[in-house]
Amino acid sequence: MSEQEKIMDNLLNVDLEIIDCVRALQEANWDSGSLKQQVGDLLKLRDDMVEKLMSLKGDDHECGCGHQHE
């Protein structure tokens, strides 16, 4: 598995964690500071991985997921 594939796999896992945290926040009526912090931390981690993926691909702003990341 290439480094790009590993990062994309990690992105998928982080996305799933974000979804789980947001669902838990919704169940808590959006009133959990620790879950809000966890979502923030996961989003930062995701942003860092997307940035690394983009740097590996050079000037190509597509990671293959079908979305534009600029």
Protein backbone atom coordinates (compact mmCIF):
# COMPACT_ATOMS: atom_id res chain seq x y z
CA MET A 1 0.00 0.00 0.00
CA SER A 2 1.43 3.38 -1.00
CA GLU A 3 1.74 6.28 1.42
CA GLN A 4 -1.13 8.05 -0.35
CA GLU A 5 -3.35 5.01 0.07
CA LYS A 6 -2.46 4.78 3.76
CA ILE A 7 -3.35 8.44 4.28
CA MET A 8 -6.64 8.00 2.42
CA ASP A 9 -7.43 4.95 4.57
CA ASN A 10 -6.61 6.96 7.70
CA LEU A 11 -8.83 9.79 6.44
CA LEU A 12 -11.74 7.40 6.11
CA ASN A 13 -11.17 6.14 9.67
CA VAL A 14 -11.02 9.71 11.03
CA ASP A 15 -14.19 10.61 9.11
CA LEU A 16 -15.96 7.66 10.75
CA GLU A 17 -14.74 8.78 14.19
CA ILE A 18 -15.99 12.31 13.50
CA ILE A 19 -19.40 10.93 12.54
CA ASP A 20 -19.54 8.84 15.73
CA CYS A 21 -18.64 11.87 17.87
CA VAL A 22 -21.21 14.09 16.17
CA ARG A 23 -23.89 11.43 16.71
CA ALA A 24 -22.92 11.21 20.38
CA LEU A 25 -23.09 15.01 20.62
CA GLN A 26 -26.54 14.98 19.06
CA GLU A 27 -27.68 12.38 21.61
CA ALA A 28 -26.29 14.64 24.36
CA ASN A 29 -28.33 17.57 22.98
CA TRP A 30 -25.10 19.22 21.78
CA ASP A 31 -24.09 19.80 25.40
CA SER A 32 -20.77 18.02 25.90
CA GLY A 33 -17.59 20.04 26.02
CA SER A 34 -15.38 16.97 25.85
CA LEU A 35 -17.13 15.65 22.72
CA LYS A 36 -16.92 19.11 21.11
CA GLN A 37 -13.19 19.16 21.86
CA GLN A 38 -12.80 15.65 20.45
CA VAL A 39 -14.54 16.69 17.20
CA GLY A 40 -12.25 19.73 16.99
CA ASP A 41 -9.17 17.58 17.52
CA LEU A 42 -10.31 15.06 14.90
CA LEU A 43 -11.02 17.83 12.38
CA LYS A 44 -7.53 19.25 12.92
CA LEU A 45 -6.03 15.79 12.46
CA ARG A 46 -8.09 15.32 9.28
CA ASP A 47 -7.00 18.72 7.92
CA ASP A 48 -3.36 17.81 8.57
CA MET A 49 -3.75 14.50 6.73
CA VAL A 50 -5.44 16.20 3.74
CA GLU A 51 -2.62 18.75 3.63
CA LYS A 52 -0.03 15.96 3.67
CA LEU A 53 -1.90 14.07 0.97
CA MET A 54 -2.02 17.20 -1.20
CA SER A 55 1.72 17.77 -0.72
CA LEU A 56 2.41 14.23 -1.90
CA LYS A 57 0.34 14.82 -5.02
CA GLY A 58 2.00 18.14 -5.89
CA ASP A 59 -0.24 20.67 -7.61
CA ASP A 60 -3.05 18.18 -8.24
CA HIS A 61 -5.91 19.19 -5.91
CA GLU A 62 -7.81 15.94 -6.19
CA CYS A 63 -7.19 13.11 -3.73
CA GLY A 64 -9.35 10.65 -5.61
CA CYS A 65 -12.30 10.88 -3.24
CA GLY A 66 -14.36 12.83 -5.75
CA HIS A 67 -14.23 16.13 -3.84
CA GLN A 68 -12.15 19.22 -4.53
CA HIS A 69 -9.71 20.07 -1.71
CA GLU A 70 -8.13 23.48 -2.12
